[in-house]
Amino acid sequence: DGLAKRAESMDEIIRYMEILEILKPYENDPNNRSSNFFNELGLAYRLSGDYKSAERAFLRAVELNVLGPHARVNLGILYLRFINTPESRKLAEEQFQNVVKNIDPTNKPANSYLDGIRAGKF
């Protein structure tokens, strides 16, 4: 069972490495205005361990779709769970609050992370 879980996580990492290979050439295309593209690129960078590039991609996704919750939640997760500094934790909370207050009050991931922050789990 442990080996199967390990293999699954390797599959995910390999998948995102392939996604990086596909998306990276279009990252700086000035005509690329797809929030989904930059959100997926951010996820791939995050899984590869390149948190600066992940942050840049998520911020671009948010810029392109201010009312889209996915990139904001992913940016918050990056700040909270991967960068994890006092400043980044504040930035994470801001992203989650923005989703809940301005986009979707029922967003489960944003609400769950906010509850965890308030409970001192992070």
C-alpha atoms as a PDB file:
ATOM      1  CA  ASP A   1       0.000   0.000   0.000  1.00  0.00           C
ATOM      2  CA  GLY A   2       2.848   2.389   0.829  1.00  0.00           C
ATOM      3  CA  LEU A   3       4.532   1.632  -2.476  1.00  0.00           C
ATOM      4  CA  ALA A   4       1.322   2.288  -4.372  1.00  0.00           C
ATOM      5  CA  LYS A   5       0.948   5.692  -2.719  1.00  0.00           C
ATOM      6  CA  ARG A   6       4.556   6.494  -3.488  1.00  0.00           C
ATOM      7  CA  ALA A   7       4.034   5.492  -7.115  1.00  0.00           C
ATOM      8  CA  GLU A   8       0.920   7.676  -7.299  1.00  0.00           C
ATOM      9  CA  SER A   9       2.852  10.695  -6.046  1.00  0.00           C
ATOM     10  CA  MET A  10       5.608   9.978  -8.573  1.00  0.00           C
ATOM     11  CA  ASP A  11       2.985   9.808 -11.322  1.00  0.00           C
ATOM     12  CA  GLU A  12       1.732  13.233 -10.262  1.00  0.00           C
ATOM     13  CA  ILE A  13       5.238  14.701 -10.263  1.00  0.00           C
ATOM     14  CA  ILE A  14       6.022  13.191 -13.671  1.00  0.00           C
ATOM     15  CA  ARG A  15       2.708  14.481 -15.004  1.00  0.00           C
ATOM     16  CA  TYR A  16       3.495  18.004 -13.853  1.00  0.00           C
ATOM     17  CA  MET A  17       7.017  17.815 -15.247  1.00  0.00           C
ATOM     18  CA  GLU A  18       5.446  16.953 -18.593  1.00  0.00           C
ATOM     19  CA  ILE A  19       2.998  19.812 -18.176  1.00  0.00           C
ATOM     20  CA  LEU A  20       5.916  22.168 -17.502  1.00  0.00           C
ATOM     21  CA  GLU A  21       7.569  20.958 -20.672  1.00  0.00           C
ATOM     22  CA  ILE A  22       4.425  21.703 -22.658  1.00  0.00           C
ATOM     23  CA  LEU A  23       3.488  25.051 -21.081  1.00  0.00           C
ATOM     24  CA  LYS A  24       6.831  26.704 -20.383  1.00  0.00           C
ATOM     25  CA  PRO A  25       7.507  27.760 -24.015  1.00  0.00           C
ATOM     26  CA  TYR A  26       4.283  29.842 -23.956  1.00  0.00           C
ATOM     27  CA  GLU A  27       4.810  31.436 -20.554  1.00  0.00           C
ATOM     28  CA  ASN A  28       6.171  34.716 -21.941  1.00  0.00           C
ATOM     29  CA  ASP A  29       3.881  34.926 -24.962  1.00  0.00           C
ATOM     30  CA  PRO A  30       2.321  38.417 -24.770  1.00  0.00           C
ATOM     31  CA  ASN A  31      -0.844  37.070 -26.414  1.00  0.00           C
ATOM     32  CA  ASN A  32      -1.316  34.443 -23.717  1.00  0.00           C
ATOM     33  CA  ARG A  33      -4.226  35.764 -21.667  1.00  0.00           C
ATOM     34  CA  SER A  34      -5.436  32.475 -20.199  1.00  0.00           C
ATOM     35  CA  SER A  35      -5.863  32.441 -16.443  1.00  0.00           C
ATOM     36  CA  ASN A  36      -6.255  28.640 -16.545  1.00  0.00           C
ATOM     37  CA  PHE A  37      -2.920  28.340 -18.371  1.00  0.00           C
ATOM     38  CA  PHE A  38      -1.084  30.289 -15.663  1.00  0.00           C
ATOM     39  CA  ASN A  39      -2.886  28.472 -12.858  1.00  0.00           C
ATOM     40  CA  GLU A  40      -1.811  25.091 -14.276  1.00  0.00           C
ATOM     41  CA  LEU A  41       1.700  26.435 -14.836  1.00  0.00           C
ATOM     42  CA  GLY A  42       1.781  27.560 -11.206  1.00  0.00           C
ATOM     43  CA  LEU A  43       0.737  24.100 -10.019  1.00  0.00           C
ATOM     44  CA  ALA A  44       3.451  22.502 -12.135  1.00  0.00           C
ATOM     45  CA  TYR A  45       6.102  24.896 -10.842  1.00  0.00           C
ATOM     46  CA  ARG A  46       4.956  24.301  -7.265  1.00  0.00           C
ATOM     47  CA  LEU A  47       5.274  20.541  -7.662  1.00  0.00           C
ATOM     48  CA  SER A  48       8.714  20.969  -9.211  1.00  0.00           C
ATOM     49  CA  GLY A  49       9.788  22.967  -6.145  1.00  0.00           C
ATOM     50  CA  ASP A  50      10.211  26.258  -8.027  1.00  0.00           C
ATOM     51  CA  TYR A  51       8.108  28.362  -5.668  1.00  0.00           C
ATOM     52  CA  LYS A  52       9.160  31.757  -7.062  1.00  0.00           C
ATOM     53  CA  SER A  53       8.014  30.764 -10.545  1.00  0.00           C
ATOM     54  CA  ALA A  54       4.839  29.250  -9.079  1.00  0.00           C
ATOM     55  CA  GLU A  55       4.088  32.519  -7.296  1.00  0.00           C
ATOM     56  CA  ARG A  56       4.698  34.507 -10.482  1.00  0.00           C
ATOM     57  CA  ALA A  57       2.378  32.207 -12.478  1.00  0.00           C
ATOM     58  CA  PHE A  58      -0.413  32.282  -9.870  1.00  0.00           C
ATOM     59  CA  LEU A  59      -0.180  36.083  -9.623  1.00  0.00           C
ATOM     60  CA  ARG A  60      -0.486  36.313 -13.404  1.00  0.00           C
ATOM     61  CA  ALA A  61      -3.530  34.015 -13.308  1.00  0.00           C
ATOM     62  CA  VAL A  62      -5.134  36.240 -10.657  1.00  0.00           C
ATOM     63  CA  GLU A  63      -4.339  39.335 -12.716  1.00  0.00           C
ATOM     64  CA  LEU A  64      -6.033  37.806 -15.749  1.00  0.00           C
ATOM     65  CA  ASN A  65      -9.109  36.637 -13.831  1.00  0.00           C
ATOM     66  CA  VAL A  66      -9.621  38.742 -10.712  1.00  0.00           C
ATOM     67  CA  LEU A  67     -12.858  36.935  -9.865  1.00  0.00           C
ATOM     68  CA  GLY A  68     -11.498  33.423 -10.358  1.00  0.00           C
ATOM     69  CA  PRO A  69     -11.100  31.568  -7.057  1.00  0.00           C
ATOM     70  CA  HIS A  70      -8.779  28.742  -8.186  1.00  0.00           C
ATOM     71  CA  ALA A  71      -5.568  30.700  -8.678  1.00  0.00           C
ATOM     72  CA  ARG A  72      -6.157  32.670  -5.462  1.00  0.00           C
ATOM     73  CA  VAL A  73      -6.649  29.479  -3.461  1.00  0.00           C
ATOM     74  CA  ASN A  74      -3.568  27.922  -5.067  1.00  0.00           C
ATOM     75  CA  LEU A  75      -1.556  31.067  -4.357  1.00  0.00           C
ATOM     76  CA  GLY A  76      -2.735  30.964  -0.740  1.00  0.00           C
ATOM     77  CA  ILE A  77      -1.733  27.310  -0.440  1.00  0.00           C
ATOM     78  CA  LEU A  78       1.684  28.116  -1.899  1.00  0.00           C
ATOM     79  CA  TYR A  79       2.207  30.904   0.633  1.00  0.00           C
ATOM     80  CA  LEU A  80       0.891  28.934   3.586  1.00  0.00           C
ATOM     81  CA  ARG A  81       2.205  25.413   3.055  1.00  0.00           C
ATOM     82  CA  PHE A  82       5.270  25.801   0.884  1.00  0.00           C
ATOM     83  CA  ILE A  83       6.839  29.223   1.501  1.00  0.00           C
ATOM     84  CA  ASN A  84       5.596  29.339   5.105  1.00  0.00           C
ATOM     85  CA  THR A  85       7.061  32.524   6.571  1.00  0.00           C
ATOM     86  CA  PRO A  86       5.192  34.952   8.849  1.00  0.00           C
ATOM     87  CA  GLU A  87       4.763  37.327   5.892  1.00  0.00           C
ATOM     88  CA  SER A  88       3.641  34.592   3.500  1.00  0.00           C
ATOM     89  CA  ARG A  89       1.102  33.311   6.033  1.00  0.00           C
ATOM     90  CA  LYS A  90      -0.462  36.805   6.092  1.00  0.00           C
ATOM     91  CA  LEU A  91      -0.503  36.836   2.285  1.00  0.00           C
ATOM     92  CA  ALA A  92      -2.167  33.409   2.289  1.00  0.00           C
ATOM     93  CA  GLU A  93      -4.864  34.563   4.674  1.00  0.00           C
ATOM     94  CA  GLU A  94      -5.499  37.609   2.456  1.00  0.00           C
ATOM     95  CA  GLN A  95      -5.993  35.368  -0.585  1.00  0.00           C
ATOM     96  CA  PHE A  96      -8.386  33.031   1.217  1.00  0.00           C
ATOM     97  CA  GLN A  97     -10.337  35.966   2.689  1.00  0.00           C
ATOM     98  CA  ASN A  98     -10.584  37.590  -0.717  1.00  0.00           C
ATOM     99  CA  VAL A  99     -12.120  34.422  -2.145  1.00  0.00           C
ATOM    100  CA  VAL A 100     -14.650  34.087   0.682  1.00  0.00           C
ATOM    101  CA  LYS A 101     -15.581  37.777   0.897  1.00  0.00           C
ATOM    102  CA  ASN A 102     -15.510  38.824  -2.748  1.00  0.00           C
ATOM    103  CA  ILE A 103     -15.888  35.749  -4.951  1.00  0.00           C
ATOM    104  CA  ASP A 104     -17.497  32.701  -3.348  1.00  0.00           C
ATOM    105  CA  PRO A 105     -18.462  32.602   0.345  1.00  0.00           C
ATOM    106  CA  THR A 106     -18.989  28.829   0.104  1.00  0.00           C
ATOM    107  CA  ASN A 107     -15.553  27.997  -1.353  1.00  0.00           C
ATOM    108  CA  LYS A 108     -14.590  24.918   0.688  1.00  0.00           C
ATOM    109  CA  PRO A 109     -10.781  25.080   0.339  1.00  0.00           C
ATOM    110  CA  ALA A 110     -10.639  28.794   1.200  1.00  0.00           C
ATOM    111  CA  ASN A 111     -12.938  28.352   4.192  1.00  0.00           C
ATOM    112  CA  SER A 112     -11.079  25.273   5.376  1.00  0.00           C
ATOM    113  CA  TYR A 113      -7.714  27.020   5.261  1.00  0.00           C
ATOM    114  CA  LEU A 114      -9.132  30.096   7.005  1.00  0.00           C
ATOM    115  CA  ASP A 115     -10.534  27.853   9.766  1.00  0.00           C
ATOM    116  CA  GLY A 116      -7.113  26.189  10.092  1.00  0.00           C
ATOM    117  CA  ILE A 117      -5.343  29.551  10.293  1.00  0.00           C
ATOM    118  CA  ARG A 118      -7.763  30.788  12.946  1.00  0.00           C
ATOM    119  CA  ALA A 119      -7.334  27.555  14.916  1.00  0.00           C
ATOM    120  CA  GLY A 120      -3.549  27.963  14.833  1.00  0.00           C
ATOM    121  CA  LYS A 121      -2.914  24.859  12.746  1.00  0.00           C
ATOM    122  CA  PHE A 122      -0.565  26.758  10.433  1.00  0.00           C
END
